[in-house]
Amino acid sequence: MIDQEKLELPISWGWLLALGIALFIFGILGVAMQFYLTLASVILFGALALVSGCFQLWHGLATKEVKWSGRALHLLVALIYIVFGGLLVWDPVSGTLSLTLILAGFLLAIGLSRISYAWNCRKRGWKWQLTLVGGLIDLLLAGLIVYGWPETAFWVIGLFVAIEMMINGWLLIAMAMAARNISHEAEKKAST
């Protein structure tokens, strides 16, 4: 069992532990600075959309494939990316309001999908409770975002990013500690 676990875990657990601790601390700081993290996330997202739209537009114009049937759609998508990204960078506050509603819509769709899937699993006799709970949590989050909108727009994205950093940091810490324990067990086994 230990040999199989060794293949799954990194050998250099010290750096992984440091990274996990750093991400966890950054997540805590992000929770404290939700508004700024929200704006930074929206601006970064807008910049990425703007740059990718420019590359896509360049690709669509630079190709010599005149008979490409998807070229017009390719160029249209590129322009949408450029306009969308430019608007987010130009006015991140309005972008925050829009993206928060889009996030609520995604959570609503995901929640309904999970509940539907749980219902199908229940009819087949499969485990369904955890999927149902996840779907209900998604619906609750979507409802809270919409109920508190527009105020929620200024903190919810930053909060979600911060929570993700904390969870990722916690998982990396747990992985590093498991790798450390396996390493110590292997050293003890080798010395006896």
C-alpha atoms as a PDB file:
ATOM      1  CA  MET A   1       0.000   0.000   0.000  1.00  0.00           C
ATOM      2  CA  ILE A   2       2.787   2.435   0.882  1.00  0.00           C
ATOM      3  CA  ASP A   3       4.515   1.811  -2.454  1.00  0.00           C
ATOM      4  CA  GLN A   4       1.312   2.674  -4.343  1.00  0.00           C
ATOM      5  CA  GLU A   5       0.828   5.852  -2.266  1.00  0.00           C
ATOM      6  CA  LYS A   6       4.435   6.860  -2.956  1.00  0.00           C
ATOM      7  CA  LEU A   7       3.667   6.881  -6.676  1.00  0.00           C
ATOM      8  CA  GLU A   8       0.704   9.206  -6.158  1.00  0.00           C
ATOM      9  CA  LEU A   9       2.347  11.772  -3.870  1.00  0.00           C
ATOM     10  CA  PRO A  10       5.223  14.157  -4.576  1.00  0.00           C
ATOM     11  CA  ILE A  11       8.630  13.391  -3.106  1.00  0.00           C
ATOM     12  CA  SER A  12       9.506  17.024  -2.226  1.00  0.00           C
ATOM     13  CA  TRP A  13       6.845  17.585   0.366  1.00  0.00           C
ATOM     14  CA  GLY A  14       8.523  20.630   1.957  1.00  0.00           C
ATOM     15  CA  TRP A  15       7.915  22.967  -0.974  1.00  0.00           C
ATOM     16  CA  LEU A  16       4.387  21.645  -1.341  1.00  0.00           C
ATOM     17  CA  LEU A  17       3.752  22.386   2.333  1.00  0.00           C
ATOM     18  CA  ALA A  18       5.129  25.930   1.927  1.00  0.00           C
ATOM     19  CA  LEU A  19       2.929  26.510  -1.121  1.00  0.00           C
ATOM     20  CA  GLY A  20      -0.127  25.202   0.720  1.00  0.00           C
ATOM     21  CA  ILE A  21       0.511  27.473   3.700  1.00  0.00           C
ATOM     22  CA  ALA A  22       1.066  30.473   1.416  1.00  0.00           C
ATOM     23  CA  LEU A  23      -2.159  29.832  -0.509  1.00  0.00           C
ATOM     24  CA  PHE A  24      -4.093  29.404   2.721  1.00  0.00           C
ATOM     25  CA  ILE A  25      -2.731  32.707   4.068  1.00  0.00           C
ATOM     26  CA  PHE A  26      -3.462  34.472   0.757  1.00  0.00           C
ATOM     27  CA  GLY A  27      -7.000  33.081   0.929  1.00  0.00           C
ATOM     28  CA  ILE A  28      -7.463  34.505   4.430  1.00  0.00           C
ATOM     29  CA  LEU A  29      -6.163  37.870   3.209  1.00  0.00           C
ATOM     30  CA  GLY A  30      -8.537  37.616   0.240  1.00  0.00           C
ATOM     31  CA  VAL A  31     -11.489  37.121   2.575  1.00  0.00           C
ATOM     32  CA  ALA A  32     -10.431  40.282   4.415  1.00  0.00           C
ATOM     33  CA  MET A  33     -10.111  42.211   1.132  1.00  0.00           C
ATOM     34  CA  GLN A  34     -13.058  40.812  -0.846  1.00  0.00           C
ATOM     35  CA  PHE A  35     -13.872  44.052  -2.669  1.00  0.00           C
ATOM     36  CA  TYR A  36     -10.337  44.528  -4.006  1.00  0.00           C
ATOM     37  CA  LEU A  37      -9.978  40.864  -4.897  1.00  0.00           C
ATOM     38  CA  THR A  38     -13.287  41.047  -6.773  1.00  0.00           C
ATOM     39  CA  LEU A  39     -12.148  44.072  -8.796  1.00  0.00           C
ATOM     40  CA  ALA A  40      -8.739  42.530  -9.459  1.00  0.00           C
ATOM     41  CA  SER A  41     -10.371  39.288 -10.626  1.00  0.00           C
ATOM     42  CA  VAL A  42     -12.728  41.139 -12.964  1.00  0.00           C
ATOM     43  CA  ILE A  43      -9.923  43.263 -14.415  1.00  0.00           C
ATOM     44  CA  LEU A  44      -7.720  40.202 -14.935  1.00  0.00           C
ATOM     45  CA  PHE A  45     -10.586  38.294 -16.536  1.00  0.00           C
ATOM     46  CA  GLY A  46     -11.265  41.267 -18.817  1.00  0.00           C
ATOM     47  CA  ALA A  47      -7.602  41.547 -19.775  1.00  0.00           C
ATOM     48  CA  LEU A  48      -7.448  37.849 -20.621  1.00  0.00           C
ATOM     49  CA  ALA A  49     -10.591  38.113 -22.747  1.00  0.00           C
ATOM     50  CA  LEU A  50      -9.219  41.196 -24.501  1.00  0.00           C
ATOM     51  CA  VAL A  51      -5.859  39.594 -25.292  1.00  0.00           C
ATOM     52  CA  SER A  52      -7.419  36.314 -26.440  1.00  0.00           C
ATOM     53  CA  GLY A  53      -9.861  38.226 -28.635  1.00  0.00           C
ATOM     54  CA  CYS A  54      -6.997  40.157 -30.233  1.00  0.00           C
ATOM     55  CA  PHE A  55      -5.113  36.924 -30.959  1.00  0.00           C
ATOM     56  CA  GLN A  56      -8.246  35.337 -32.383  1.00  0.00           C
ATOM     57  CA  LEU A  57      -8.905  38.406 -34.564  1.00  0.00           C
ATOM     58  CA  TRP A  58      -5.304  38.364 -35.788  1.00  0.00           C
ATOM     59  CA  HIS A  59      -5.598  34.671 -36.589  1.00  0.00           C
ATOM     60  CA  GLY A  60      -8.862  35.193 -38.476  1.00  0.00           C
ATOM     61  CA  LEU A  61      -7.427  38.047 -40.538  1.00  0.00           C
ATOM     62  CA  ALA A  62      -3.969  36.571 -41.094  1.00  0.00           C
ATOM     63  CA  THR A  63      -5.129  33.223 -42.421  1.00  0.00           C
ATOM     64  CA  LYS A  64      -5.202  32.923 -46.171  1.00  0.00           C
ATOM     65  CA  GLU A  65      -7.996  30.358 -46.087  1.00  0.00           C
ATOM     66  CA  VAL A  66     -10.652  32.126 -48.132  1.00  0.00           C
ATOM     67  CA  LYS A  67     -12.902  29.062 -48.337  1.00  0.00           C
ATOM     68  CA  TRP A  68     -13.010  28.543 -44.557  1.00  0.00           C
ATOM     69  CA  SER A  69     -16.750  28.476 -43.799  1.00  0.00           C
ATOM     70  CA  GLY A  70     -16.260  29.318 -40.123  1.00  0.00           C
ATOM     71  CA  ARG A  71     -14.122  32.409 -40.707  1.00  0.00           C
ATOM     72  CA  ALA A  72     -16.940  34.931 -40.277  1.00  0.00           C
ATOM     73  CA  LEU A  73     -18.078  33.317 -37.031  1.00  0.00           C
ATOM     74  CA  HIS A  74     -14.455  33.159 -35.862  1.00  0.00           C
ATOM     75  CA  LEU A  75     -14.066  36.902 -36.472  1.00  0.00           C
ATOM     76  CA  LEU A  76     -17.390  37.672 -34.781  1.00  0.00           C
ATOM     77  CA  VAL A  77     -16.402  35.727 -31.683  1.00  0.00           C
ATOM     78  CA  ALA A  78     -13.061  37.559 -31.654  1.00  0.00           C
ATOM     79  CA  LEU A  79     -14.833  40.925 -31.747  1.00  0.00           C
ATOM     80  CA  ILE A  80     -17.182  39.870 -28.936  1.00  0.00           C
ATOM     81  CA  TYR A  81     -14.176  38.880 -26.827  1.00  0.00           C
ATOM     82  CA  ILE A  82     -12.491  42.217 -27.537  1.00  0.00           C
ATOM     83  CA  VAL A  83     -15.579  44.272 -26.719  1.00  0.00           C
ATOM     84  CA  PHE A  84     -16.409  42.208 -23.611  1.00  0.00           C
ATOM     85  CA  GLY A  85     -12.824  42.271 -22.320  1.00  0.00           C
ATOM     86  CA  GLY A  86     -12.449  45.959 -23.087  1.00  0.00           C
ATOM     87  CA  LEU A  87     -15.631  46.794 -21.201  1.00  0.00           C
ATOM     88  CA  LEU A  88     -14.506  44.806 -18.165  1.00  0.00           C
ATOM     89  CA  VAL A  89     -11.130  46.556 -18.101  1.00  0.00           C
ATOM     90  CA  TRP A  90     -12.634  49.989 -18.834  1.00  0.00           C
ATOM     91  CA  ASP A  91     -15.389  49.754 -16.208  1.00  0.00           C
ATOM     92  CA  PRO A  92     -14.706  46.908 -13.754  1.00  0.00           C
ATOM     93  CA  VAL A  93     -17.523  47.997 -11.421  1.00  0.00           C
ATOM     94  CA  SER A  94     -20.197  47.481 -14.078  1.00  0.00           C
ATOM     95  CA  GLY A  95     -18.409  44.305 -15.120  1.00  0.00           C
ATOM     96  CA  THR A  96     -18.581  43.102 -11.549  1.00  0.00           C
ATOM     97  CA  LEU A  97     -22.331  43.652 -11.489  1.00  0.00           C
ATOM     98  CA  SER A  98     -22.771  41.699 -14.726  1.00  0.00           C
ATOM     99  CA  LEU A  99     -20.428  38.855 -13.868  1.00  0.00           C
ATOM    100  CA  THR A 100     -22.080  38.381 -10.489  1.00  0.00           C
ATOM    101  CA  LEU A 101     -25.444  37.858 -12.162  1.00  0.00           C
ATOM    102  CA  ILE A 102     -23.830  35.462 -14.638  1.00  0.00           C
ATOM    103  CA  LEU A 103     -22.292  33.591 -11.692  1.00  0.00           C
ATOM    104  CA  ALA A 104     -25.725  33.351 -10.059  1.00  0.00           C
ATOM    105  CA  GLY A 105     -27.132  31.988 -13.327  1.00  0.00           C
ATOM    106  CA  PHE A 106     -24.392  29.356 -13.512  1.00  0.00           C
ATOM    107  CA  LEU A 107     -25.018  28.332  -9.906  1.00  0.00           C
ATOM    108  CA  LEU A 108     -28.739  28.080 -10.627  1.00  0.00           C
ATOM    109  CA  ALA A 109     -28.166  25.920 -13.715  1.00  0.00           C
ATOM    110  CA  ILE A 110     -25.637  23.709 -11.928  1.00  0.00           C
ATOM    111  CA  GLY A 111     -27.910  23.351  -8.905  1.00  0.00           C
ATOM    112  CA  LEU A 112     -30.904  22.334 -11.001  1.00  0.00           C
ATOM    113  CA  SER A 113     -28.731  19.886 -12.963  1.00  0.00           C
ATOM    114  CA  ARG A 114     -27.434  18.294  -9.767  1.00  0.00           C
ATOM    115  CA  ILE A 115     -30.919  17.971  -8.306  1.00  0.00           C
ATOM    116  CA  SER A 116     -32.154  16.373 -11.524  1.00  0.00           C
ATOM    117  CA  TYR A 117     -29.201  13.986 -11.518  1.00  0.00           C
ATOM    118  CA  ALA A 118     -29.821  13.125  -7.852  1.00  0.00           C
ATOM    119  CA  TRP A 119     -33.459  12.379  -8.684  1.00  0.00           C
ATOM    120  CA  ASN A 120     -32.383  10.022 -11.478  1.00  0.00           C
ATOM    121  CA  CYS A 121     -29.838   8.339  -9.186  1.00  0.00           C
ATOM    122  CA  ARG A 122     -32.495   7.866  -6.504  1.00  0.00           C
ATOM    123  CA  LYS A 123     -34.839   6.179  -8.996  1.00  0.00           C
ATOM    124  CA  ARG A 124     -32.041   3.759  -9.942  1.00  0.00           C
ATOM    125  CA  GLY A 125     -31.153   2.971  -6.332  1.00  0.00           C
ATOM    126  CA  TRP A 126     -27.779   4.748  -6.460  1.00  0.00           C
ATOM    127  CA  LYS A 127     -26.337   7.054  -3.843  1.00  0.00           C
ATOM    128  CA  TRP A 128     -27.997  10.421  -4.343  1.00  0.00           C
ATOM    129  CA  GLN A 129     -28.027  12.360  -1.071  1.00  0.00           C
ATOM    130  CA  LEU A 130     -24.696  14.167  -1.459  1.00  0.00           C
ATOM    131  CA  THR A 131     -25.528  15.210  -5.020  1.00  0.00           C
ATOM    132  CA  LEU A 132     -28.890  16.553  -3.845  1.00  0.00           C
ATOM    133  CA  VAL A 133     -27.240  18.509  -1.021  1.00  0.00           C
ATOM    134  CA  GLY A 134     -24.709  19.964  -3.467  1.00  0.00           C
ATOM    135  CA  GLY A 135     -27.516  21.032  -5.798  1.00  0.00           C
ATOM    136  CA  LEU A 136     -29.471  22.624  -2.967  1.00  0.00           C
ATOM    137  CA  ILE A 137     -26.363  24.515  -1.825  1.00  0.00           C
ATOM    138  CA  ASP A 138     -25.866  25.801  -5.383  1.00  0.00           C
ATOM    139  CA  LEU A 139     -29.487  26.992  -5.467  1.00  0.00           C
ATOM    140  CA  LEU A 140     -29.096  28.630  -2.059  1.00  0.00           C
ATOM    141  CA  LEU A 141     -25.935  30.462  -3.163  1.00  0.00           C
ATOM    142  CA  ALA A 142     -27.614  31.624  -6.384  1.00  0.00           C
ATOM    143  CA  GLY A 143     -30.608  32.838  -4.399  1.00  0.00           C
ATOM    144  CA  LEU A 144     -28.440  34.711  -1.906  1.00  0.00           C
ATOM    145  CA  ILE A 145     -26.491  36.387  -4.715  1.00  0.00           C
ATOM    146  CA  VAL A 146     -29.651  37.512  -6.516  1.00  0.00           C
ATOM    147  CA  TYR A 147     -31.444  38.501  -3.288  1.00  0.00           C
ATOM    148  CA  GLY A 148     -28.578  40.748  -2.188  1.00  0.00           C
ATOM    149  CA  TRP A 149     -27.761  42.086  -5.646  1.00  0.00           C
ATOM    150  CA  PRO A 150     -26.293  44.652  -6.423  1.00  0.00           C
ATOM    151  CA  GLU A 151     -24.471  44.762  -3.068  1.00  0.00           C
ATOM    152  CA  THR A 152     -23.336  41.152  -3.370  1.00  0.00           C
ATOM    153  CA  ALA A 153     -21.558  42.002  -6.620  1.00  0.00           C
ATOM    154  CA  PHE A 154     -18.840  43.850  -4.744  1.00  0.00           C
ATOM    155  CA  TRP A 155     -17.749  40.968  -2.553  1.00  0.00           C
ATOM    156  CA  VAL A 156     -19.035  37.603  -3.809  1.00  0.00           C
ATOM    157  CA  ILE A 157     -16.480  37.004  -6.593  1.00  0.00           C
ATOM    158  CA  GLY A 158     -13.597  37.930  -4.301  1.00  0.00           C
ATOM    159  CA  LEU A 159     -15.003  35.746  -1.536  1.00  0.00           C
ATOM    160  CA  PHE A 160     -15.326  32.752  -3.861  1.00  0.00           C
ATOM    161  CA  VAL A 161     -11.768  33.234  -5.160  1.00  0.00           C
ATOM    162  CA  ALA A 162     -10.461  33.549  -1.589  1.00  0.00           C
ATOM    163  CA  ILE A 163     -12.333  30.441  -0.439  1.00  0.00           C
ATOM    164  CA  GLU A 164     -10.946  28.510  -3.418  1.00  0.00           C
ATOM    165  CA  MET A 165      -7.413  29.612  -2.459  1.00  0.00           C
ATOM    166  CA  MET A 166      -7.970  28.500   1.128  1.00  0.00           C
ATOM    167  CA  ILE A 167      -9.370  25.116   0.065  1.00  0.00           C
ATOM    168  CA  ASN A 168      -6.532  24.584  -2.401  1.00  0.00           C
ATOM    169  CA  GLY A 169      -3.986  25.555   0.246  1.00  0.00           C
ATOM    170  CA  TRP A 170      -5.567  23.194   2.766  1.00  0.00           C
ATOM    171  CA  LEU A 171      -5.525  20.332   0.246  1.00  0.00           C
ATOM    172  CA  LEU A 172      -1.859  20.973  -0.593  1.00  0.00           C
ATOM    173  CA  ILE A 173      -0.991  21.016   3.127  1.00  0.00           C
ATOM    174  CA  ALA A 174      -2.797  17.693   3.613  1.00  0.00           C
ATOM    175  CA  MET A 175      -1.024  16.207   0.591  1.00  0.00           C
ATOM    176  CA  ALA A 176       2.367  17.418   1.832  1.00  0.00           C
ATOM    177  CA  MET A 177       1.753  15.962   5.281  1.00  0.00           C
ATOM    178  CA  ALA A 178       0.698  12.618   3.786  1.00  0.00           C
ATOM    179  CA  ALA A 179       3.853  12.582   1.642  1.00  0.00           C
ATOM    180  CA  ARG A 180       5.916  13.462   4.719  1.00  0.00           C
ATOM    181  CA  ASN A 181       4.369  10.617   6.730  1.00  0.00           C
ATOM    182  CA  ILE A 182       4.979   8.115   3.925  1.00  0.00           C
ATOM    183  CA  SER A 183       8.551   9.348   3.586  1.00  0.00           C
ATOM    184  CA  HIS A 184       9.144   8.928   7.331  1.00  0.00           C
ATOM    185  CA  GLU A 185       7.565   5.451   7.297  1.00  0.00           C
ATOM    186  CA  ALA A 186       9.777   4.440   4.377  1.00  0.00           C
ATOM    187  CA  GLU A 187      12.861   5.743   6.198  1.00  0.00           C
ATOM    188  CA  LYS A 188      11.924   3.785   9.343  1.00  0.00           C
ATOM    189  CA  LYS A 189      11.302   0.668   7.275  1.00  0.00           C
ATOM    190  CA  ALA A 190      14.649   1.051   5.498  1.00  0.00           C
ATOM    191  CA  SER A 191      16.569   1.537   8.753  1.00  0.00           C
ATOM    192  CA  THR A 192      15.175  -1.623  10.383  1.00  0.00           C
END
